[in-house]
Amino acid sequence: HINNQYVRHGELDLNEFFTIVDLT
């Protein structure tokens, strides 16, 4: 899902923009 604390500076950083939550 989207990381709502991410602030863009320059090129979009997918690893910072997205949050991965392990639901296993």
PDBML (XML) file of the C-alpha atoms, coordinates in Angstrom:
<?xml version="1.0" encoding="UTF-8" ?>
<PDBx:datablock datablockName="MODEL"
   xmlns:PDBx="http://pdbml.pdb.org/schema/pdbx-v50.xsd"
   xmlns:xsi="http://www.w3.org/2001/XMLSchema-instance"
   xsi:schemaLocation="http://pdbml.pdb.org/schema/pdbx-v50.xsd pdbx-v50.xsd">
   <PDBx:atom_siteCategory>
      <PDBx:atom_site id="1">
         <PDBx:B_iso_or_equiv>0.00</PDBx:B_iso_or_equiv>
         <PDBx:Cartn_x>0.000</PDBx:Cartn_x>
         <PDBx:Cartn_y>0.000</PDBx:Cartn_y>
         <PDBx:Cartn_z>0.000</PDBx:Cartn_z>
         <PDBx:auth_asym_id>A</PDBx:auth_asym_id>
         <PDBx:auth_atom_id>CA</PDBx:auth_atom_id>
         <PDBx:auth_comp_id>HIS</PDBx:auth_comp_id>
         <PDBx:auth_seq_id>1</PDBx:auth_seq_id>
         <PDBx:group_PDB>ATOM</PDBx:group_PDB>
         <PDBx:label_alt_id xsi:nil="true" />
         <PDBx:label_asym_id>A</PDBx:label_asym_id>
         <PDBx:label_atom_id>CA</PDBx:label_atom_id>
         <PDBx:label_comp_id>HIS</PDBx:label_comp_id>
         <PDBx:label_entity_id>1</PDBx:label_entity_id>
         <PDBx:label_seq_id>1</PDBx:label_seq_id>
         <PDBx:occupancy>1.00</PDBx:occupancy>
         <PDBx:pdbx_PDB_model_num>1</PDBx:pdbx_PDB_model_num>
         <PDBx:type_symbol>C</PDBx:type_symbol>
      </PDBx:atom_site>
      <PDBx:atom_site id="2">
         <PDBx:B_iso_or_equiv>0.00</PDBx:B_iso_or_equiv>
         <PDBx:Cartn_x>0.969</PDBx:Cartn_x>
         <PDBx:Cartn_y>3.659</PDBx:Cartn_y>
         <PDBx:Cartn_z>-0.269</PDBx:Cartn_z>
         <PDBx:auth_asym_id>A</PDBx:auth_asym_id>
         <PDBx:auth_atom_id>CA</PDBx:auth_atom_id>
         <PDBx:auth_comp_id>ILE</PDBx:auth_comp_id>
         <PDBx:auth_seq_id>2</PDBx:auth_seq_id>
         <PDBx:group_PDB>ATOM</PDBx:group_PDB>
         <PDBx:label_alt_id xsi:nil="true" />
         <PDBx:label_asym_id>A</PDBx:label_asym_id>
         <PDBx:label_atom_id>CA</PDBx:label_atom_id>
         <PDBx:label_comp_id>ILE</PDBx:label_comp_id>
         <PDBx:label_entity_id>1</PDBx:label_entity_id>
         <PDBx:label_seq_id>2</PDBx:label_seq_id>
         <PDBx:occupancy>1.00</PDBx:occupancy>
         <PDBx:pdbx_PDB_model_num>1</PDBx:pdbx_PDB_model_num>
         <PDBx:type_symbol>C</PDBx:type_symbol>
      </PDBx:atom_site>
      <PDBx:atom_site id="3">
         <PDBx:B_iso_or_equiv>0.00</PDBx:B_iso_or_equiv>
         <PDBx:Cartn_x>3.202</PDBx:Cartn_x>
         <PDBx:Cartn_y>5.220</PDBx:Cartn_y>
         <PDBx:Cartn_z>2.376</PDBx:Cartn_z>
         <PDBx:auth_asym_id>A</PDBx:auth_asym_id>
         <PDBx:auth_atom_id>CA</PDBx:auth_atom_id>
         <PDBx:auth_comp_id>ASN</PDBx:auth_comp_id>
         <PDBx:auth_seq_id>3</PDBx:auth_seq_id>
         <PDBx:group_PDB>ATOM</PDBx:group_PDB>
         <PDBx:label_alt_id xsi:nil="true" />
         <PDBx:label_asym_id>A</PDBx:label_asym_id>
         <PDBx:label_atom_id>CA</PDBx:label_atom_id>
         <PDBx:label_comp_id>ASN</PDBx:label_comp_id>
         <PDBx:label_entity_id>1</PDBx:label_entity_id>
         <PDBx:label_seq_id>3</PDBx:label_seq_id>
         <PDBx:occupancy>1.00</PDBx:occupancy>
         <PDBx:pdbx_PDB_model_num>1</PDBx:pdbx_PDB_model_num>
         <PDBx:type_symbol>C</PDBx:type_symbol>
      </PDBx:atom_site>
      <PDBx:atom_site id="4">
         <PDBx:B_iso_or_equiv>0.00</PDBx:B_iso_or_equiv>
         <PDBx:Cartn_x>1.421</PDBx:Cartn_x>
         <PDBx:Cartn_y>8.475</PDBx:Cartn_y>
         <PDBx:Cartn_z>3.164</PDBx:Cartn_z>
         <PDBx:auth_asym_id>A</PDBx:auth_asym_id>
         <PDBx:auth_atom_id>CA</PDBx:auth_atom_id>
         <PDBx:auth_comp_id>ASN</PDBx:auth_comp_id>
         <PDBx:auth_seq_id>4</PDBx:auth_seq_id>
         <PDBx:group_PDB>ATOM</PDBx:group_PDB>
         <PDBx:label_alt_id xsi:nil="true" />
         <PDBx:label_asym_id>A</PDBx:label_asym_id>
         <PDBx:label_atom_id>CA</PDBx:label_atom_id>
         <PDBx:label_comp_id>ASN</PDBx:label_comp_id>
         <PDBx:label_entity_id>1</PDBx:label_entity_id>
         <PDBx:label_seq_id>4</PDBx:label_seq_id>
         <PDBx:occupancy>1.00</PDBx:occupancy>
         <PDBx:pdbx_PDB_model_num>1</PDBx:pdbx_PDB_model_num>
         <PDBx:type_symbol>C</PDBx:type_symbol>
      </PDBx:atom_site>
      <PDBx:atom_site id="5">
         <PDBx:B_iso_or_equiv>0.00</PDBx:B_iso_or_equiv>
         <PDBx:Cartn_x>4.543</PDBx:Cartn_x>
         <PDBx:Cartn_y>9.866</PDBx:Cartn_y>
         <PDBx:Cartn_z>4.897</PDBx:Cartn_z>
         <PDBx:auth_asym_id>A</PDBx:auth_asym_id>
         <PDBx:auth_atom_id>CA</PDBx:auth_atom_id>
         <PDBx:auth_comp_id>GLN</PDBx:auth_comp_id>
         <PDBx:auth_seq_id>5</PDBx:auth_seq_id>
         <PDBx:group_PDB>ATOM</PDBx:group_PDB>
         <PDBx:label_alt_id xsi:nil="true" />
         <PDBx:label_asym_id>A</PDBx:label_asym_id>
         <PDBx:label_atom_id>CA</PDBx:label_atom_id>
         <PDBx:label_comp_id>GLN</PDBx:label_comp_id>
         <PDBx:label_entity_id>1</PDBx:label_entity_id>
         <PDBx:label_seq_id>5</PDBx:label_seq_id>
         <PDBx:occupancy>1.00</PDBx:occupancy>
         <PDBx:pdbx_PDB_model_num>1</PDBx:pdbx_PDB_model_num>
         <PDBx:type_symbol>C</PDBx:type_symbol>
      </PDBx:atom_site>
      <PDBx:atom_site id="6">
         <PDBx:B_iso_or_equiv>0.00</PDBx:B_iso_or_equiv>
         <PDBx:Cartn_x>6.602</PDBx:Cartn_x>
         <PDBx:Cartn_y>9.746</PDBx:Cartn_y>
         <PDBx:Cartn_z>1.717</PDBx:Cartn_z>
         <PDBx:auth_asym_id>A</PDBx:auth_asym_id>
         <PDBx:auth_atom_id>CA</PDBx:auth_atom_id>
         <PDBx:auth_comp_id>TYR</PDBx:auth_comp_id>
         <PDBx:auth_seq_id>6</PDBx:auth_seq_id>
         <PDBx:group_PDB>ATOM</PDBx:group_PDB>
         <PDBx:label_alt_id xsi:nil="true" />
         <PDBx:label_asym_id>A</PDBx:label_asym_id>
         <PDBx:label_atom_id>CA</PDBx:label_atom_id>
         <PDBx:label_comp_id>TYR</PDBx:label_comp_id>
         <PDBx:label_entity_id>1</PDBx:label_entity_id>
         <PDBx:label_seq_id>6</PDBx:label_seq_id>
         <PDBx:occupancy>1.00</PDBx:occupancy>
         <PDBx:pdbx_PDB_model_num>1</PDBx:pdbx_PDB_model_num>
         <PDBx:type_symbol>C</PDBx:type_symbol>
      </PDBx:atom_site>
      <PDBx:atom_site id="7">
         <PDBx:B_iso_or_equiv>0.00</PDBx:B_iso_or_equiv>
         <PDBx:Cartn_x>7.658</PDBx:Cartn_x>
         <PDBx:Cartn_y>13.161</PDBx:Cartn_y>
         <PDBx:Cartn_z>0.426</PDBx:Cartn_z>
         <PDBx:auth_asym_id>A</PDBx:auth_asym_id>
         <PDBx:auth_atom_id>CA</PDBx:auth_atom_id>
         <PDBx:auth_comp_id>VAL</PDBx:auth_comp_id>
         <PDBx:auth_seq_id>7</PDBx:auth_seq_id>
         <PDBx:group_PDB>ATOM</PDBx:group_PDB>
         <PDBx:label_alt_id xsi:nil="true" />
         <PDBx:label_asym_id>A</PDBx:label_asym_id>
         <PDBx:label_atom_id>CA</PDBx:label_atom_id>
         <PDBx:label_comp_id>VAL</PDBx:label_comp_id>
         <PDBx:label_entity_id>1</PDBx:label_entity_id>
         <PDBx:label_seq_id>7</PDBx:label_seq_id>
         <PDBx:occupancy>1.00</PDBx:occupancy>
         <PDBx:pdbx_PDB_model_num>1</PDBx:pdbx_PDB_model_num>
         <PDBx:type_symbol>C</PDBx:type_symbol>
      </PDBx:atom_site>
      <PDBx:atom_site id="8">
         <PDBx:B_iso_or_equiv>0.00</PDBx:B_iso_or_equiv>
         <PDBx:Cartn_x>8.856</PDBx:Cartn_x>
         <PDBx:Cartn_y>13.319</PDBx:Cartn_y>
         <PDBx:Cartn_z>-3.140</PDBx:Cartn_z>
         <PDBx:auth_asym_id>A</PDBx:auth_asym_id>
         <PDBx:auth_atom_id>CA</PDBx:auth_atom_id>
         <PDBx:auth_comp_id>ARG</PDBx:auth_comp_id>
         <PDBx:auth_seq_id>8</PDBx:auth_seq_id>
         <PDBx:group_PDB>ATOM</PDBx:group_PDB>
         <PDBx:label_alt_id xsi:nil="true" />
         <PDBx:label_asym_id>A</PDBx:label_asym_id>
         <PDBx:label_atom_id>CA</PDBx:label_atom_id>
         <PDBx:label_comp_id>ARG</PDBx:label_comp_id>
         <PDBx:label_entity_id>1</PDBx:label_entity_id>
         <PDBx:label_seq_id>8</PDBx:label_seq_id>
         <PDBx:occupancy>1.00</PDBx:occupancy>
         <PDBx:pdbx_PDB_model_num>1</PDBx:pdbx_PDB_model_num>
         <PDBx:type_symbol>C</PDBx:type_symbol>
      </PDBx:atom_site>
      <PDBx:atom_site id="9">
         <PDBx:B_iso_or_equiv>0.00</PDBx:B_iso_or_equiv>
         <PDBx:Cartn_x>12.235</PDBx:Cartn_x>
         <PDBx:Cartn_y>14.838</PDBx:Cartn_y>
         <PDBx:Cartn_z>-3.922</PDBx:Cartn_z>
         <PDBx:auth_asym_id>A</PDBx:auth_asym_id>
         <PDBx:auth_atom_id>CA</PDBx:auth_atom_id>
         <PDBx:auth_comp_id>HIS</PDBx:auth_comp_id>
         <PDBx:auth_seq_id>9</PDBx:auth_seq_id>
         <PDBx:group_PDB>ATOM</PDBx:group_PDB>
         <PDBx:label_alt_id xsi:nil="true" />
         <PDBx:label_asym_id>A</PDBx:label_asym_id>
         <PDBx:label_atom_id>CA</PDBx:label_atom_id>
         <PDBx:label_comp_id>HIS</PDBx:label_comp_id>
         <PDBx:label_entity_id>1</PDBx:label_entity_id>
         <PDBx:label_seq_id>9</PDBx:label_seq_id>
         <PDBx:occupancy>1.00</PDBx:occupancy>
         <PDBx:pdbx_PDB_model_num>1</PDBx:pdbx_PDB_model_num>
         <PDBx:type_symbol>C</PDBx:type_symbol>
      </PDBx:atom_site>
      <PDBx:atom_site id="10">
         <PDBx:B_iso_or_equiv>0.00</PDBx:B_iso_or_equiv>
         <PDBx:Cartn_x>13.393</PDBx:Cartn_x>
         <PDBx:Cartn_y>14.290</PDBx:Cartn_y>
         <PDBx:Cartn_z>-7.468</PDBx:Cartn_z>
         <PDBx:auth_asym_id>A</PDBx:auth_asym_id>
         <PDBx:auth_atom_id>CA</PDBx:auth_atom_id>
         <PDBx:auth_comp_id>GLY</PDBx:auth_comp_id>
         <PDBx:auth_seq_id>10</PDBx:auth_seq_id>
         <PDBx:group_PDB>ATOM</PDBx:group_PDB>
         <PDBx:label_alt_id xsi:nil="true" />
         <PDBx:label_asym_id>A</PDBx:label_asym_id>
         <PDBx:label_atom_id>CA</PDBx:label_atom_id>
         <PDBx:label_comp_id>GLY</PDBx:label_comp_id>
         <PDBx:label_entity_id>1</PDBx:label_entity_id>
         <PDBx:label_seq_id>10</PDBx:label_seq_id>
         <PDBx:occupancy>1.00</PDBx:occupancy>
         <PDBx:pdbx_PDB_model_num>1</PDBx:pdbx_PDB_model_num>
         <PDBx:type_symbol>C</PDBx:type_symbol>
      </PDBx:atom_site>
      <PDBx:atom_site id="11">
         <PDBx:B_iso_or_equiv>0.00</PDBx:B_iso_or_equiv>
         <PDBx:Cartn_x>12.653</PDBx:Cartn_x>
         <PDBx:Cartn_y>10.931</PDBx:Cartn_y>
         <PDBx:Cartn_z>-9.082</PDBx:Cartn_z>
         <PDBx:auth_asym_id>A</PDBx:auth_asym_id>
         <PDBx:auth_atom_id>CA</PDBx:auth_atom_id>
         <PDBx:auth_comp_id>GLU</PDBx:auth_comp_id>
         <PDBx:auth_seq_id>11</PDBx:auth_seq_id>
         <PDBx:group_PDB>ATOM</PDBx:group_PDB>
         <PDBx:label_alt_id xsi:nil="true" />
         <PDBx:label_asym_id>A</PDBx:label_asym_id>
         <PDBx:label_atom_id>CA</PDBx:label_atom_id>
         <PDBx:label_comp_id>GLU</PDBx:label_comp_id>
         <PDBx:label_entity_id>1</PDBx:label_entity_id>
         <PDBx:label_seq_id>11</PDBx:label_seq_id>
         <PDBx:occupancy>1.00</PDBx:occupancy>
         <PDBx:pdbx_PDB_model_num>1</PDBx:pdbx_PDB_model_num>
         <PDBx:type_symbol>C</PDBx:type_symbol>
      </PDBx:atom_site>
      <PDBx:atom_site id="12">
         <PDBx:B_iso_or_equiv>0.00</PDBx:B_iso_or_equiv>
         <PDBx:Cartn_x>9.926</PDBx:Cartn_x>
         <PDBx:Cartn_y>8.830</PDBx:Cartn_y>
         <PDBx:Cartn_z>-7.521</PDBx:Cartn_z>
         <PDBx:auth_asym_id>A</PDBx:auth_asym_id>
         <PDBx:auth_atom_id>CA</PDBx:auth_atom_id>
         <PDBx:auth_comp_id>LEU</PDBx:auth_comp_id>
         <PDBx:auth_seq_id>12</PDBx:auth_seq_id>
         <PDBx:group_PDB>ATOM</PDBx:group_PDB>
         <PDBx:label_alt_id xsi:nil="true" />
         <PDBx:label_asym_id>A</PDBx:label_asym_id>
         <PDBx:label_atom_id>CA</PDBx:label_atom_id>
         <PDBx:label_comp_id>LEU</PDBx:label_comp_id>
         <PDBx:label_entity_id>1</PDBx:label_entity_id>
         <PDBx:label_seq_id>12</PDBx:label_seq_id>
         <PDBx:occupancy>1.00</PDBx:occupancy>
         <PDBx:pdbx_PDB_model_num>1</PDBx:pdbx_PDB_model_num>
         <PDBx:type_symbol>C</PDBx:type_symbol>
      </PDBx:atom_site>
      <PDBx:atom_site id="13">
         <PDBx:B_iso_or_equiv>0.00</PDBx:B_iso_or_equiv>
         <PDBx:Cartn_x>11.417</PDBx:Cartn_x>
         <PDBx:Cartn_y>6.230</PDBx:Cartn_y>
         <PDBx:Cartn_z>-5.149</PDBx:Cartn_z>
         <PDBx:auth_asym_id>A</PDBx:auth_asym_id>
         <PDBx:auth_atom_id>CA</PDBx:auth_atom_id>
         <PDBx:auth_comp_id>ASP</PDBx:auth_comp_id>
         <PDBx:auth_seq_id>13</PDBx:auth_seq_id>
         <PDBx:group_PDB>ATOM</PDBx:group_PDB>
         <PDBx:label_alt_id xsi:nil="true" />
         <PDBx:label_asym_id>A</PDBx:label_asym_id>
         <PDBx:label_atom_id>CA</PDBx:label_atom_id>
         <PDBx:label_comp_id>ASP</PDBx:label_comp_id>
         <PDBx:label_entity_id>1</PDBx:label_entity_id>
         <PDBx:label_seq_id>13</PDBx:label_seq_id>
         <PDBx:occupancy>1.00</PDBx:occupancy>
         <PDBx:pdbx_PDB_model_num>1</PDBx:pdbx_PDB_model_num>
         <PDBx:type_symbol>C</PDBx:type_symbol>
      </PDBx:atom_site>
      <PDBx:atom_site id="14">
         <PDBx:B_iso_or_equiv>0.00</PDBx:B_iso_or_equiv>
         <PDBx:Cartn_x>9.189</PDBx:Cartn_x>
         <PDBx:Cartn_y>3.146</PDBx:Cartn_y>
         <PDBx:Cartn_z>-5.340</PDBx:Cartn_z>
         <PDBx:auth_asym_id>A</PDBx:auth_asym_id>
         <PDBx:auth_atom_id>CA</PDBx:auth_atom_id>
         <PDBx:auth_comp_id>LEU</PDBx:auth_comp_id>
         <PDBx:auth_seq_id>14</PDBx:auth_seq_id>
         <PDBx:group_PDB>ATOM</PDBx:group_PDB>
         <PDBx:label_alt_id xsi:nil="true" />
         <PDBx:label_asym_id>A</PDBx:label_asym_id>
         <PDBx:label_atom_id>CA</PDBx:label_atom_id>
         <PDBx:label_comp_id>LEU</PDBx:label_comp_id>
         <PDBx:label_entity_id>1</PDBx:label_entity_id>
         <PDBx:label_seq_id>14</PDBx:label_seq_id>
         <PDBx:occupancy>1.00</PDBx:occupancy>
         <PDBx:pdbx_PDB_model_num>1</PDBx:pdbx_PDB_model_num>
         <PDBx:type_symbol>C</PDBx:type_symbol>
      </PDBx:atom_site>
      <PDBx:atom_site id="15">
         <PDBx:B_iso_or_equiv>0.00</PDBx:B_iso_or_equiv>
         <PDBx:Cartn_x>10.747</PDBx:Cartn_x>
         <PDBx:Cartn_y>1.572</PDBx:Cartn_y>
         <PDBx:Cartn_z>-2.251</PDBx:Cartn_z>
         <PDBx:auth_asym_id>A</PDBx:auth_asym_id>
         <PDBx:auth_atom_id>CA</PDBx:auth_atom_id>
         <PDBx:auth_comp_id>ASN</PDBx:auth_comp_id>
         <PDBx:auth_seq_id>15</PDBx:auth_seq_id>
         <PDBx:group_PDB>ATOM</PDBx:group_PDB>
         <PDBx:label_alt_id xsi:nil="true" />
         <PDBx:label_asym_id>A</PDBx:label_asym_id>
         <PDBx:label_atom_id>CA</PDBx:label_atom_id>
         <PDBx:label_comp_id>ASN</PDBx:label_comp_id>
         <PDBx:label_entity_id>1</PDBx:label_entity_id>
         <PDBx:label_seq_id>15</PDBx:label_seq_id>
         <PDBx:occupancy>1.00</PDBx:occupancy>
         <PDBx:pdbx_PDB_model_num>1</PDBx:pdbx_PDB_model_num>
         <PDBx:type_symbol>C</PDBx:type_symbol>
      </PDBx:atom_site>
      <PDBx:atom_site id="16">
         <PDBx:B_iso_or_equiv>0.00</PDBx:B_iso_or_equiv>
         <PDBx:Cartn_x>9.888</PDBx:Cartn_x>
         <PDBx:Cartn_y>4.653</PDBx:Cartn_y>
         <PDBx:Cartn_z>-0.220</PDBx:Cartn_z>
         <PDBx:auth_asym_id>A</PDBx:auth_asym_id>
         <PDBx:auth_atom_id>CA</PDBx:auth_atom_id>
         <PDBx:auth_comp_id>GLU</PDBx:auth_comp_id>
         <PDBx:auth_seq_id>16</PDBx:auth_seq_id>
         <PDBx:group_PDB>ATOM</PDBx:group_PDB>
         <PDBx:label_alt_id xsi:nil="true" />
         <PDBx:label_asym_id>A</PDBx:label_asym_id>
         <PDBx:label_atom_id>CA</PDBx:label_atom_id>
         <PDBx:label_comp_id>GLU</PDBx:label_comp_id>
         <PDBx:label_entity_id>1</PDBx:label_entity_id>
         <PDBx:label_seq_id>16</PDBx:label_seq_id>
         <PDBx:occupancy>1.00</PDBx:occupancy>
         <PDBx:pdbx_PDB_model_num>1</PDBx:pdbx_PDB_model_num>
         <PDBx:type_symbol>C</PDBx:type_symbol>
      </PDBx:atom_site>
      <PDBx:atom_site id="17">
         <PDBx:B_iso_or_equiv>0.00</PDBx:B_iso_or_equiv>
         <PDBx:Cartn_x>6.542</PDBx:Cartn_x>
         <PDBx:Cartn_y>5.326</PDBx:Cartn_y>
         <PDBx:Cartn_z>-1.884</PDBx:Cartn_z>
         <PDBx:auth_asym_id>A</PDBx:auth_asym_id>
         <PDBx:auth_atom_id>CA</PDBx:auth_atom_id>
         <PDBx:auth_comp_id>PHE</PDBx:auth_comp_id>
         <PDBx:auth_seq_id>17</PDBx:auth_seq_id>
         <PDBx:group_PDB>ATOM</PDBx:group_PDB>
         <PDBx:label_alt_id xsi:nil="true" />
         <PDBx:label_asym_id>A</PDBx:label_asym_id>
         <PDBx:label_atom_id>CA</PDBx:label_atom_id>
         <PDBx:label_comp_id>PHE</PDBx:label_comp_id>
         <PDBx:label_entity_id>1</PDBx:label_entity_id>
         <PDBx:label_seq_id>17</PDBx:label_seq_id>
         <PDBx:occupancy>1.00</PDBx:occupancy>
         <PDBx:pdbx_PDB_model_num>1</PDBx:pdbx_PDB_model_num>
         <PDBx:type_symbol>C</PDBx:type_symbol>
      </PDBx:atom_site>
      <PDBx:atom_site id="18">
         <PDBx:B_iso_or_equiv>0.00</PDBx:B_iso_or_equiv>
         <PDBx:Cartn_x>5.217</PDBx:Cartn_x>
         <PDBx:Cartn_y>1.832</PDBx:Cartn_y>
         <PDBx:Cartn_z>-1.178</PDBx:Cartn_z>
         <PDBx:auth_asym_id>A</PDBx:auth_asym_id>
         <PDBx:auth_atom_id>CA</PDBx:auth_atom_id>
         <PDBx:auth_comp_id>PHE</PDBx:auth_comp_id>
         <PDBx:auth_seq_id>18</PDBx:auth_seq_id>
         <PDBx:group_PDB>ATOM</PDBx:group_PDB>
         <PDBx:label_alt_id xsi:nil="true" />
         <PDBx:label_asym_id>A</PDBx:label_asym_id>
         <PDBx:label_atom_id>CA</PDBx:label_atom_id>
         <PDBx:label_comp_id>PHE</PDBx:label_comp_id>
         <PDBx:label_entity_id>1</PDBx:label_entity_id>
         <PDBx:label_seq_id>18</PDBx:label_seq_id>
         <PDBx:occupancy>1.00</PDBx:occupancy>
         <PDBx:pdbx_PDB_model_num>1</PDBx:pdbx_PDB_model_num>
         <PDBx:type_symbol>C</PDBx:type_symbol>
      </PDBx:atom_site>
      <PDBx:atom_site id="19">
         <PDBx:B_iso_or_equiv>0.00</PDBx:B_iso_or_equiv>
         <PDBx:Cartn_x>4.926</PDBx:Cartn_x>
         <PDBx:Cartn_y>0.036</PDBx:Cartn_y>
         <PDBx:Cartn_z>2.137</PDBx:Cartn_z>
         <PDBx:auth_asym_id>A</PDBx:auth_asym_id>
         <PDBx:auth_atom_id>CA</PDBx:auth_atom_id>
         <PDBx:auth_comp_id>THR</PDBx:auth_comp_id>
         <PDBx:auth_seq_id>19</PDBx:auth_seq_id>
         <PDBx:group_PDB>ATOM</PDBx:group_PDB>
         <PDBx:label_alt_id xsi:nil="true" />
         <PDBx:label_asym_id>A</PDBx:label_asym_id>
         <PDBx:label_atom_id>CA</PDBx:label_atom_id>
         <PDBx:label_comp_id>THR</PDBx:label_comp_id>
         <PDBx:label_entity_id>1</PDBx:label_entity_id>
         <PDBx:label_seq_id>19</PDBx:label_seq_id>
         <PDBx:occupancy>1.00</PDBx:occupancy>
         <PDBx:pdbx_PDB_model_num>1</PDBx:pdbx_PDB_model_num>
         <PDBx:type_symbol>C</PDBx:type_symbol>
      </PDBx:atom_site>
      <PDBx:atom_site id="20">
         <PDBx:B_iso_or_equiv>0.00</PDBx:B_iso_or_equiv>
         <PDBx:Cartn_x>4.961</PDBx:Cartn_x>
         <PDBx:Cartn_y>-3.760</PDBx:Cartn_y>
         <PDBx:Cartn_z>2.140</PDBx:Cartn_z>
         <PDBx:auth_asym_id>A</PDBx:auth_asym_id>
         <PDBx:auth_atom_id>CA</PDBx:auth_atom_id>
         <PDBx:auth_comp_id>ILE</PDBx:auth_comp_id>
         <PDBx:auth_seq_id>20</PDBx:auth_seq_id>
         <PDBx:group_PDB>ATOM</PDBx:group_PDB>
         <PDBx:label_alt_id xsi:nil="true" />
         <PDBx:label_asym_id>A</PDBx:label_asym_id>
         <PDBx:label_atom_id>CA</PDBx:label_atom_id>
         <PDBx:label_comp_id>ILE</PDBx:label_comp_id>
         <PDBx:label_entity_id>1</PDBx:label_entity_id>
         <PDBx:label_seq_id>20</PDBx:label_seq_id>
         <PDBx:occupancy>1.00</PDBx:occupancy>
         <PDBx:pdbx_PDB_model_num>1</PDBx:pdbx_PDB_model_num>
         <PDBx:type_symbol>C</PDBx:type_symbol>
      </PDBx:atom_site>
      <PDBx:atom_site id="21">
         <PDBx:B_iso_or_equiv>0.00</PDBx:B_iso_or_equiv>
         <PDBx:Cartn_x>3.100</PDBx:Cartn_x>
         <PDBx:Cartn_y>-5.436</PDBx:Cartn_y>
         <PDBx:Cartn_z>5.008</PDBx:Cartn_z>
         <PDBx:auth_asym_id>A</PDBx:auth_asym_id>
         <PDBx:auth_atom_id>CA</PDBx:auth_atom_id>
         <PDBx:auth_comp_id>VAL</PDBx:auth_comp_id>
         <PDBx:auth_seq_id>21</PDBx:auth_seq_id>
         <PDBx:group_PDB>ATOM</PDBx:group_PDB>
         <PDBx:label_alt_id xsi:nil="true" />
         <PDBx:label_asym_id>A</PDBx:label_asym_id>
         <PDBx:label_atom_id>CA</PDBx:label_atom_id>
         <PDBx:label_comp_id>VAL</PDBx:label_comp_id>
         <PDBx:label_entity_id>1</PDBx:label_entity_id>
         <PDBx:label_seq_id>21</PDBx:label_seq_id>
         <PDBx:occupancy>1.00</PDBx:occupancy>
         <PDBx:pdbx_PDB_model_num>1</PDBx:pdbx_PDB_model_num>
         <PDBx:type_symbol>C</PDBx:type_symbol>
      </PDBx:atom_site>
      <PDBx:atom_site id="22">
         <PDBx:B_iso_or_equiv>0.00</PDBx:B_iso_or_equiv>
         <PDBx:Cartn_x>3.698</PDBx:Cartn_x>
         <PDBx:Cartn_y>-9.153</PDBx:Cartn_y>
         <PDBx:Cartn_z>5.571</PDBx:Cartn_z>
         <PDBx:auth_asym_id>A</PDBx:auth_asym_id>
         <PDBx:auth_atom_id>CA</PDBx:auth_atom_id>
         <PDBx:auth_comp_id>ASP</PDBx:auth_comp_id>
         <PDBx:auth_seq_id>22</PDBx:auth_seq_id>
         <PDBx:group_PDB>ATOM</PDBx:group_PDB>
         <PDBx:label_alt_id xsi:nil="true" />
         <PDBx:label_asym_id>A</PDBx:label_asym_id>
         <PDBx:label_atom_id>CA</PDBx:label_atom_id>
         <PDBx:label_comp_id>ASP</PDBx:label_comp_id>
         <PDBx:label_entity_id>1</PDBx:label_entity_id>
         <PDBx:label_seq_id>22</PDBx:label_seq_id>
         <PDBx:occupancy>1.00</PDBx:occupancy>
         <PDBx:pdbx_PDB_model_num>1</PDBx:pdbx_PDB_model_num>
         <PDBx:type_symbol>C</PDBx:type_symbol>
      </PDBx:atom_site>
      <PDBx:atom_site id="23">
         <PDBx:B_iso_or_equiv>0.00</PDBx:B_iso_or_equiv>
         <PDBx:Cartn_x>0.304</PDBx:Cartn_x>
         <PDBx:Cartn_y>-10.780</PDBx:Cartn_y>
         <PDBx:Cartn_z>6.149</PDBx:Cartn_z>
         <PDBx:auth_asym_id>A</PDBx:auth_asym_id>
         <PDBx:auth_atom_id>CA</PDBx:auth_atom_id>
         <PDBx:auth_comp_id>LEU</PDBx:auth_comp_id>
         <PDBx:auth_seq_id>23</PDBx:auth_seq_id>
         <PDBx:group_PDB>ATOM</PDBx:group_PDB>
         <PDBx:label_alt_id xsi:nil="true" />
         <PDBx:label_asym_id>A</PDBx:label_asym_id>
         <PDBx:label_atom_id>CA</PDBx:label_atom_id>
         <PDBx:label_comp_id>LEU</PDBx:label_comp_id>
         <PDBx:label_entity_id>1</PDBx:label_entity_id>
         <PDBx:label_seq_id>23</PDBx:label_seq_id>
         <PDBx:occupancy>1.00</PDBx:occupancy>
         <PDBx:pdbx_PDB_model_num>1</PDBx:pdbx_PDB_model_num>
         <PDBx:type_symbol>C</PDBx:type_symbol>
      </PDBx:atom_site>
      <PDBx:atom_site id="24">
         <PDBx:B_iso_or_equiv>0.00</PDBx:B_iso_or_equiv>
         <PDBx:Cartn_x>1.468</PDBx:Cartn_x>
         <PDBx:Cartn_y>-14.382</PDBx:Cartn_y>
         <PDBx:Cartn_z>5.897</PDBx:Cartn_z>
         <PDBx:auth_asym_id>A</PDBx:auth_asym_id>
         <PDBx:auth_atom_id>CA</PDBx:auth_atom_id>
         <PDBx:auth_comp_id>THR</PDBx:auth_comp_id>
         <PDBx:auth_seq_id>24</PDBx:auth_seq_id>
         <PDBx:group_PDB>ATOM</PDBx:group_PDB>
         <PDBx:label_alt_id xsi:nil="true" />
         <PDBx:label_asym_id>A</PDBx:label_asym_id>
         <PDBx:label_atom_id>CA</PDBx:label_atom_id>
         <PDBx:label_comp_id>THR</PDBx:label_comp_id>
         <PDBx:label_entity_id>1</PDBx:label_entity_id>
         <PDBx:label_seq_id>24</PDBx:label_seq_id>
         <PDBx:occupancy>1.00</PDBx:occupancy>
         <PDBx:pdbx_PDB_model_num>1</PDBx:pdbx_PDB_model_num>
         <PDBx:type_symbol>C</PDBx:type_symbol>
      </PDBx:atom_site>
   </PDBx:atom_siteCategory>
</PDBx:datablock>
